């Protein structure tokens, strides 16, 4: 309220100062008119009178308390009243100038006083505003402290120590090395977490639907681009085909073939070619059947040889087993009877060497026979179709 009253006083002082200045300007404007209308003075007299009207002592620019006696009394010297710059001024005109000059000086004094009062009010108003701002800031700080204390009191009344059992995944406070500080921790209901998760899932599903629509839209765009390119390539192919048809050199034979009028010679040639093809196919089928029979016979022969080789391998294994048994018997016999039957041992050893030699010869003969059959099979294959099988020569 005090601030408002101070602003009102400043506005009133400013309005009064503006009014006084406008009245002063009006007095100066009316001075020339009064001289011309009342005294009938000429231009030189008006000029000299105006100079006397505006003449002030040097201290007139100061404050109202330091005004000179000339302004307060409003008189001029006798010499100035008689002749000024060679122009004589009458007594009546001088009284008129003195009267108007005294009024203007009084108005200037009022303006100086009003201006001084305005400056004092403005300085006082600035001081009051600074004090109000300081008090307002202190009041705001006090209000904040009060609010903080009230909140702290309310929290201390509502904040009760209690034990809460939480799962490991539900405790999201950063764990400390020794004791975890839960001072700033907040308990959130599970329903709120579920609601937020459902909202996140809903938004994610909507985003996925939007992305799926974008994918289908881009797919349709790519399909249309592909169809456009396919149709352009078809059009280009038809253009080139049409160009090839235009550039084709048509002969009589080609023209007759296009019309379907084949000559007699061509018909006979075609019939001969068809007959030759049929005969060639028949001969080919007969040769293929012969080769199939020969191949089957050779396969049976190879299979029989493989079976015989398996039997011989089994026999060799049996003989090796019998030889091992006999060697063990012979060793045990030597341990029992000593070195008395050296001739009999030599004969049995000779028999074993002969038997082993016969078995080796028989195995070599069968191996050579198998190699021969393989070579014969490769030769028969090469007669019908190319074969990359190479026969293995016995080393």
Protein backbone atom coordinates (compact mmCIF):
# COMPACT_ATOMS: atom_id res chain seq x y z
CA UNK A 1 0.00 0.00 0.00
CA UNK A 2 2.82 2.39 0.85
CA UNK A 3 4.42 1.62 -2.53
CA UNK A 4 1.13 2.46 -4.27
CA UNK A 5 0.79 5.78 -2.39
CA UNK A 6 4.37 6.69 -3.29
CA UNK A 7 3.72 6.00 -6.98
CA UNK A 8 0.56 8.12 -6.81
CA UNK A 9 2.49 11.03 -5.23
CA UNK A 10 5.20 10.74 -7.92
CA UNK A 11 2.58 10.80 -10.65
CA UNK A 12 0.89 13.87 -9.12
CA UNK A 13 4.26 15.67 -8.79
CA UNK A 14 5.13 14.80 -12.38
CA UNK A 15 1.77 16.10 -13.60
CA UNK A 16 2.20 19.34 -11.60
CA UNK A 17 5.74 19.80 -13.01
CA UNK A 18 4.48 19.25 -16.56
CA UNK A 19 1.67 21.77 -15.92
CA UNK A 20 4.11 24.42 -14.61
CA UNK A 21 6.43 23.93 -17.60
CA UNK A 22 3.53 24.27 -20.02
CA UNK A 23 2.41 27.48 -18.21
CA UNK A 24 5.98 28.82 -18.45
CA UNK A 25 6.08 28.12 -22.17
CA UNK A 26 2.69 29.77 -22.51
CA UNK A 27 3.97 32.92 -20.72
CA UNK A 28 6.92 33.15 -23.09
CA UNK A 29 4.61 32.74 -26.10
CA UNK A 30 2.24 35.41 -24.77
CA UNK A 31 5.08 37.95 -24.06
CA UNK A 32 5.62 38.91 -27.75
CA UNK A 33 1.89 39.09 -28.38
CA UNK A 34 1.27 41.38 -25.39
CA UNK A 35 4.04 43.78 -26.49
CA UNK A 36 2.63 44.04 -30.00
CA UNK A 37 -1.00 44.40 -28.96
CA UNK A 38 -0.73 46.63 -25.87
CA UNK A 39 2.44 48.75 -26.49
CA UNK A 40 2.66 48.73 -30.34
CA UNK A 41 6.44 48.20 -30.21
CA UNK A 42 8.59 47.70 -33.30
CA UNK A 43 10.88 44.75 -34.01
CA UNK A 44 14.01 46.20 -32.39
CA UNK A 45 12.11 47.08 -29.26
CA UNK A 46 10.57 43.61 -29.17
CA UNK A 47 14.04 42.06 -29.61
CA UNK A 48 15.56 44.14 -26.79
CA UNK A 49 12.52 43.51 -24.59
CA UNK A 50 12.76 39.78 -25.19
CA UNK A 51 16.45 39.85 -24.24
CA UNK A 52 15.61 41.71 -21.02
CA UNK A 53 12.75 39.26 -20.40
CA UNK A 54 15.09 36.27 -20.66
CA UNK A 55 18.03 37.86 -18.78
CA UNK A 56 18.86 36.01 -15.51
CA UNK A 57 21.64 36.04 -13.00
CA UNK A 58 24.12 33.17 -13.15
CA UNK A 59 22.72 31.68 -9.96
CA UNK A 60 19.23 31.34 -11.49
CA UNK A 61 20.07 27.80 -12.63
CA UNK A 62 20.54 26.61 -9.04
CA UNK A 63 17.98 25.62 -6.50
CA UNK A 64 15.10 27.73 -5.25
CA UNK A 65 16.87 28.57 -1.96
CA UNK A 66 19.90 30.12 -3.77
CA UNK A 67 17.97 32.50 -6.12
CA UNK A 68 19.50 36.03 -6.38
CA UNK A 69 17.84 39.15 -5.14
CA UNK A 70 17.23 40.23 -8.77
CA UNK A 71 14.77 37.37 -9.26
CA UNK A 72 13.03 37.86 -5.93
CA UNK A 73 12.71 41.63 -6.34
CA UNK A 74 12.26 41.62 -10.14
CA UNK A 75 13.91 45.05 -10.87
CA UNK A 76 16.46 46.30 -13.44
CA UNK A 77 19.06 49.09 -13.21
CA UNK A 78 18.26 52.65 -14.21
CA UNK A 79 20.65 52.61 -17.14
CA UNK A 80 19.01 49.48 -18.48
CA UNK A 81 15.61 51.16 -18.03
CA UNK A 82 16.57 54.15 -20.16
CA UNK A 83 18.74 53.08 -23.13
CA UNK A 84 19.78 49.55 -24.09
CA UNK A 85 21.96 48.96 -27.19
CA UNK A 86 21.00 52.37 -28.57
CA UNK A 87 17.25 51.75 -28.26
CA UNK A 88 15.27 53.84 -25.80
CA UNK A 89 12.64 52.01 -23.81
CA UNK A 90 9.78 53.92 -22.24
CA UNK A 91 8.80 53.72 -18.61
CA UNK A 92 5.44 52.08 -19.29
CA UNK A 93 7.05 49.43 -21.46
CA UNK A 94 9.72 48.84 -18.85
CA UNK A 95 7.07 48.33 -16.15
CA UNK A 96 5.26 45.94 -18.44
CA UNK A 97 8.48 43.98 -19.08
CA UNK A 98 9.27 44.00 -15.36
CA UNK A 99 5.80 42.70 -14.53
CA UNK A 100 5.92 39.89 -17.11
CA UNK A 101 9.52 39.10 -16.20
CA UNK A 102 8.62 38.87 -12.50
CA UNK A 103 5.76 36.47 -13.27
CA UNK A 104 8.05 34.27 -15.38
CA UNK A 105 10.72 34.22 -12.68
CA UNK A 106 8.13 33.18 -10.11
CA UNK A 107 7.01 30.41 -12.45
CA UNK A 108 10.63 29.26 -12.88
CA UNK A 109 11.04 29.23 -9.11
CA UNK A 110 7.94 27.05 -8.77
CA UNK A 111 9.30 24.71 -11.47
CA UNK A 112 12.64 24.38 -9.63
CA UNK A 113 10.91 23.60 -6.38
CA UNK A 114 8.56 21.08 -8.01
CA UNK A 115 11.52 19.42 -9.79
CA UNK A 116 13.44 19.18 -6.50
CA UNK A 117 10.44 17.68 -4.72
CA UNK A 118 10.05 15.15 -7.57
CA UNK A 119 13.71 14.09 -7.32
CA UNK A 120 13.35 13.67 -3.56
CA UNK A 121 10.17 11.58 -4.00
CA UNK A 122 11.84 9.38 -6.63
CA UNK A 123 14.91 8.77 -4.41
CA UNK A 124 12.65 7.99 -1.44
CA UNK A 125 10.55 5.71 -3.66
CA UNK A 126 13.62 3.81 -4.83
CA UNK A 127 14.73 3.33 -1.24
CA UNK A 128 11.25 2.14 -0.23
CA UNK A 129 11.14 -0.25 -3.24
CA UNK A 130 14.53 -1.72 -2.33
CA UNK A 131 13.35 -2.19 1.27
CA UNK A 132 10.12 -3.82 0.06
CA UNK A 133 12.03 -6.15 -2.25
CA UNK A 134 14.37 -7.11 0.57
CA UNK A 135 11.42 -7.77 2.90
CA UNK A 136 9.62 -9.72 0.15
CA UNK A 137 12.70 -11.89 -0.45
CA UNK A 138 13.02 -12.53 3.30
CA UNK A 139 9.32 -13.40 3.41
CA UNK A 140 9.68 -15.87 0.52
CA UNK A 141 12.69 -17.54 2.14
CA UNK A 142 10.80 -17.76 5.43
CA UNK A 143 7.78 -19.25 3.64
CA UNK A 144 10.00 -21.85 1.91
CA UNK A 145 11.60 -22.77 5.24
CA UNK A 146 8.16 -23.06 6.79
CA UNK A 147 6.93 -25.32 3.95
CA UNK A 148 10.03 -27.51 4.23
CA UNK A 149 9.59 -27.82 8.00
CA UNK A 150 5.90 -28.68 7.60
CA UNK A 151 6.74 -31.31 4.99
CA UNK A 152 9.47 -32.70 7.21
CA UNK A 153 7.08 -32.86 10.16
CA UNK A 154 4.44 -34.58 8.05
CA UNK A 155 7.00 -37.08 6.71
CA UNK A 156 8.31 -37.78 10.19
CA UNK A 157 4.75 -38.45 11.38
CA UNK A 158 3.94 -40.74 8.43
CA UNK A 159 7.37 -42.38 7.98
CA UNK A 160 7.21 -45.51 10.15
CA UNK A 161 9.97 -48.09 10.38
CA UNK A 162 8.71 -51.45 9.15
CA UNK A 163 10.05 -54.71 7.76
CA UNK A 164 9.25 -55.48 4.12
CA UNK A 165 9.86 -58.83 2.46
CA UNK A 166 10.79 -58.45 -1.20
CA UNK A 167 11.90 -60.80 -3.91
CA UNK A 168 15.33 -60.42 -5.39
CA UNK A 169 14.07 -59.04 -8.71
CA UNK A 170 11.73 -56.53 -7.03
CA UNK A 171 14.47 -54.70 -5.10
CA UNK A 172 15.95 -52.25 -7.63
CA UNK A 173 17.96 -50.17 -5.15
CA UNK A 174 21.70 -50.31 -5.79
CA UNK A 175 23.15 -52.66 -3.20
CA UNK A 176 26.08 -51.45 -1.12
CA UNK A 177 28.99 -53.51 0.12
CA UNK A 178 27.89 -53.65 3.79
CA UNK A 179 24.57 -51.90 4.45
CA UNK A 180 22.24 -50.57 1.77
CA UNK A 181 20.76 -47.12 2.37
CA UNK A 182 17.00 -47.12 1.75
CA UNK A 183 16.43 -43.51 2.88
CA UNK A 184 15.31 -42.23 -0.54
CA UNK A 185 13.72 -45.52 -1.62
CA UNK A 186 10.04 -45.62 -2.57
CA UNK A 187 7.62 -48.56 -2.36
CA UNK A 188 5.56 -48.89 -5.51
CA UNK A 189 2.43 -51.12 -5.54
CA UNK A 190 2.62 -54.17 -7.79
CA UNK A 191 -0.66 -53.19 -9.44
CA UNK A 192 0.89 -49.95 -10.71
CA UNK A 193 3.89 -51.86 -12.10
CA UNK A 194 1.56 -54.35 -13.83
CA UNK A 195 -0.53 -51.49 -15.23
CA UNK A 196 2.59 -49.76 -16.59
CA UNK A 197 3.85 -53.04 -18.07
CA UNK A 198 0.48 -53.65 -19.73
CA UNK A 199 0.54 -50.14 -21.16
CA UNK A 200 4.08 -50.69 -22.45
CA UNK A 201 3.03 -53.99 -24.01
CA UNK A 202 0.00 -52.34 -25.59
CA UNK A 203 2.11 -49.55 -27.04
CA UNK A 204 4.67 -52.12 -28.24
CA UNK A 205 1.92 -54.17 -29.90
CA UNK A 206 0.61 -51.06 -31.62
CA UNK A 207 4.11 -50.19 -32.77
CA UNK A 208 4.57 -53.75 -34.06
CA UNK A 209 1.27 -53.47 -35.96
CA UNK A 210 2.40 -50.20 -37.48
CA UNK A 211 5.73 -51.74 -38.48
CA UNK A 212 3.87 -54.75 -39.95
CA UNK A 213 1.67 -52.42 -41.98
CA UNK A 214 4.76 -50.56 -43.17
CA UNK A 215 6.37 -53.89 -44.12
CA UNK A 216 3.32 -55.00 -46.11
CA UNK A 217 3.08 -51.59 -47.74
CA UNK A 218 6.74 -51.69 -48.78
CA UNK A 219 6.26 -55.26 -49.94
CA UNK A 220 3.36 -54.20 -52.14
CA UNK A 221 5.47 -51.31 -53.47
CA UNK A 222 8.35 -53.70 -54.27
CA UNK A 223 5.88 -56.11 -55.93
CA UNK A 224 4.47 -53.32 -58.07
CA UNK A 225 8.00 -52.23 -58.99
CA UNK A 226 8.85 -55.81 -59.93
CA UNK A 227 5.69 -56.15 -62.04
CA UNK A 228 6.47 -52.84 -63.71
CA UNK A 229 10.02 -53.98 -64.51
CA UNK A 230 8.70 -57.36 -65.70
CA UNK A 231 6.20 -55.71 -68.05
CA UNK A 232 8.89 -53.33 -69.32
CA UNK A 233 11.20 -56.28 -70.05
CA UNK A 234 8.33 -58.11 -71.81
CA UNK A 235 7.65 -55.03 -73.91
CA UNK A 236 11.37 -54.77 -74.75
CA UNK A 237 11.46 -58.48 -75.64
CA UNK A 238 8.43 -58.12 -77.93
CA UNK A 239 9.99 -55.09 -79.57
CA UNK A 240 13.22 -56.99 -80.23
CA UNK A 241 11.26 -60.03 -81.45
CA UNK A 242 9.27 -57.78 -83.80
CA UNK A 243 12.55 -56.22 -85.00
CA UNK A 244 14.00 -59.72 -85.63
CA UNK A 245 10.91 -60.66 -87.63
CA UNK A 246 11.23 -57.50 -89.68
CA UNK A 247 14.93 -58.15 -90.35
CA UNK A 248 14.42 -61.86 -91.18
CA UNK A 249 15.43 -62.80 -94.73
CA UNK A 250 12.55 -64.84 -96.13
CA UNK A 251 13.47 -67.41 -98.80
CA UNK A 252 11.20 -69.57 -100.92
CA UNK A 253 11.81 -72.64 -98.76
CA UNK A 254 11.10 -70.68 -95.61
CA UNK A 255 7.98 -69.18 -97.16
CA UNK A 256 6.72 -72.61 -98.20
CA UNK A 257 7.53 -74.00 -94.74
CA UNK A 258 5.61 -71.13 -93.12
CA UNK A 259 2.63 -71.81 -95.38
CA UNK A 260 2.85 -75.57 -94.74
CA UNK A 261 3.58 -76.52 -98.40
CA UNK A 262 6.48 -78.98 -98.13
CA UNK A 263 7.96 -80.32 -101.39
CA UNK A 264 8.11 -84.00 -102.34
CA UNK A 265 11.86 -84.20 -101.95
CA UNK A 266 11.70 -82.75 -98.49
CA UNK A 267 8.97 -85.21 -97.54
CA UNK A 268 11.05 -88.19 -98.70
CA UNK A 269 14.10 -86.87 -96.88
CA UNK A 270 12.10 -86.45 -93.69
CA UNK A 271 10.70 -89.99 -93.98
CA UNK A 272 14.21 -91.43 -94.47
CA UNK A 273 15.51 -89.53 -91.48
CA UNK A 274 12.61 -90.75 -89.34
CA UNK A 275 13.19 -94.37 -90.47
CA UNK A 276 16.89 -94.08 -89.73
CA UNK A 277 16.12 -92.67 -86.31
CA UNK A 278 13.78 -95.58 -85.56
CA UNK A 279 16.36 -98.17 -86.70
CA UNK A 280 19.08 -96.45 -84.68
CA UNK A 281 16.86 -96.46 -81.61
CA UNK A 282 16.06 -100.16 -82.09
CA UNK A 283 19.74 -101.10 -82.50
CA UNK A 284 20.58 -98.98 -79.47
CA UNK A 285 17.96 -100.75 -77.37
CA UNK A 286 19.22 -104.20 -78.47
CA UNK A 287 22.82 -103.29 -77.64
CA UNK A 288 21.75 -101.90 -74.30
CA UNK A 289 19.88 -105.13 -73.49
CA UNK A 290 22.92 -107.22 -74.44
CA UNK A 291 25.21 -105.09 -72.33
CA UNK A 292 22.78 -105.28 -69.41
CA UNK A 293 22.75 -109.10 -69.65
CA UNK A 294 26.55 -109.25 -69.87
CA UNK A 295 26.86 -106.81 -66.98
CA UNK A 296 24.45 -108.90 -64.87
CA UNK A 297 26.40 -112.06 -65.69
CA UNK A 298 29.67 -110.41 -64.73
CA UNK A 299 28.11 -109.10 -61.52
CA UNK A 300 26.99 -112.62 -60.64
CA UNK A 301 30.46 -113.97 -61.45
CA UNK A 302 32.08 -111.24 -59.29
CA UNK A 303 29.62 -111.93 -56.50
CA UNK A 304 30.48 -115.67 -56.65
CA UNK A 305 34.16 -114.85 -56.56
CA UNK A 306 33.64 -112.55 -53.60
CA UNK A 307 31.78 -115.31 -51.77
CA UNK A 308 34.57 -117.76 -52.58
CA UNK A 309 37.15 -115.28 -51.35
CA UNK A 310 35.17 -114.85 -48.14
CA UNK A 311 35.13 -118.63 -47.68
CA UNK A 312 38.86 -118.83 -48.33
CA UNK A 313 39.51 -116.00 -45.87
CA UNK A 314 37.48 -117.86 -43.28
CA UNK A 315 39.42 -121.04 -44.03
CA UNK A 316 42.71 -119.13 -43.68
CA UNK A 317 41.57 -117.80 -40.32
CA UNK A 318 40.61 -121.32 -39.22
CA UNK A 319 43.98 -122.67 -40.33
CA UNK A 320 45.74 -119.86 -38.50
CA UNK A 321 43.80 -120.74 -35.38
CA UNK A 322 44.67 -124.43 -35.77
CA UNK A 323 48.31 -123.54 -36.37
CA UNK A 324 48.33 -121.42 -33.21
CA UNK A 325 46.78 -124.30 -31.26
CA UNK A 326 49.32 -126.73 -32.66
CA UNK A 327 52.17 -124.38 -31.84
CA UNK A 328 50.98 -124.16 -28.29
CA UNK A 329 50.68 -127.95 -28.14
CA UNK A 330 54.12 -128.35 -29.66
CA UNK A 331 55.63 -125.90 -27.19
CA UNK A 332 54.03 -127.73 -24.31
CA UNK A 333 55.27 -131.06 -25.77
CA UNK A 334 58.81 -129.69 -25.99
CA UNK A 335 58.64 -128.50 -22.46
CA UNK A 336 57.55 -132.01 -21.41
CA UNK A 337 59.83 -134.17 -23.55
CA UNK A 338 62.86 -131.93 -24.16
CA UNK A 339 64.95 -132.10 -27.32
CA UNK A 340 64.64 -135.84 -28.07
CA UNK A 341 62.40 -135.65 -31.12
CA UNK A 342 64.35 -133.09 -33.21
CA UNK A 343 63.74 -134.92 -36.46
CA UNK A 344 59.99 -135.09 -35.83
CA UNK A 345 59.94 -131.38 -35.01
CA UNK A 346 61.83 -130.61 -38.19
CA UNK A 347 59.33 -132.61 -40.26
CA UNK A 348 56.33 -130.89 -38.68
CA UNK A 349 57.94 -127.50 -39.22
CA UNK A 350 58.54 -128.45 -42.85
CA UNK A 351 54.89 -129.38 -43.22
CA UNK A 352 53.81 -126.07 -41.78
CA UNK A 353 56.07 -124.17 -44.20
CA UNK A 354 54.70 -126.16 -47.15
CA UNK A 355 51.10 -125.56 -46.06
CA UNK A 356 51.73 -121.84 -45.65
CA UNK A 357 53.35 -121.68 -49.09
CA UNK A 358 50.37 -123.40 -50.68
CA UNK A 359 47.96 -121.01 -49.04
CA UNK A 360 49.97 -117.99 -50.23
CA UNK A 361 50.04 -119.36 -53.81
CA UNK A 362 46.28 -119.96 -53.73
CA UNK A 363 45.59 -116.44 -52.47
CA UNK A 364 47.82 -114.91 -55.17
CA UNK A 365 46.02 -116.92 -57.90
CA UNK A 366 42.63 -115.78 -56.66
CA UNK A 367 43.82 -112.17 -56.51
CA UNK A 368 45.05 -112.33 -60.08
CA UNK A 369 41.74 -113.81 -61.17
CA UNK A 370 39.81 -111.01 -59.44
CA UNK A 371 42.01 -108.38 -61.17
CA UNK A 372 41.37 -110.05 -64.53
CA UNK A 373 37.61 -110.02 -63.96
CA UNK A 374 37.72 -106.34 -63.02
CA UNK A 375 39.63 -105.48 -66.17
CA UNK A 376 37.13 -107.43 -68.24
CA UNK A 377 34.25 -105.59 -66.57
CA UNK A 378 35.89 -102.20 -67.31
CA UNK A 379 36.42 -103.18 -70.92
CA UNK A 380 32.77 -104.13 -71.35
CA UNK A 381 31.68 -100.87 -69.75
CA UNK A 382 33.89 -98.84 -72.07
CA UNK A 383 32.22 -100.40 -75.08
CA UNK A 384 28.82 -98.97 -74.11
CA UNK A 385 29.56 -95.64 -72.40
CA UNK A 386 32.58 -93.69 -71.13
CA UNK A 387 33.91 -95.00 -67.86
CA UNK A 388 36.41 -93.31 -65.59
CA UNK A 389 37.17 -96.49 -63.62
CA UNK A 390 40.82 -97.50 -63.86
CA UNK A 391 41.88 -101.12 -63.57
CA UNK A 392 44.37 -101.89 -60.80
CA UNK A 393 47.34 -103.81 -62.17
CA UNK A 394 48.85 -106.36 -59.81
CA UNK A 395 52.08 -105.16 -58.32
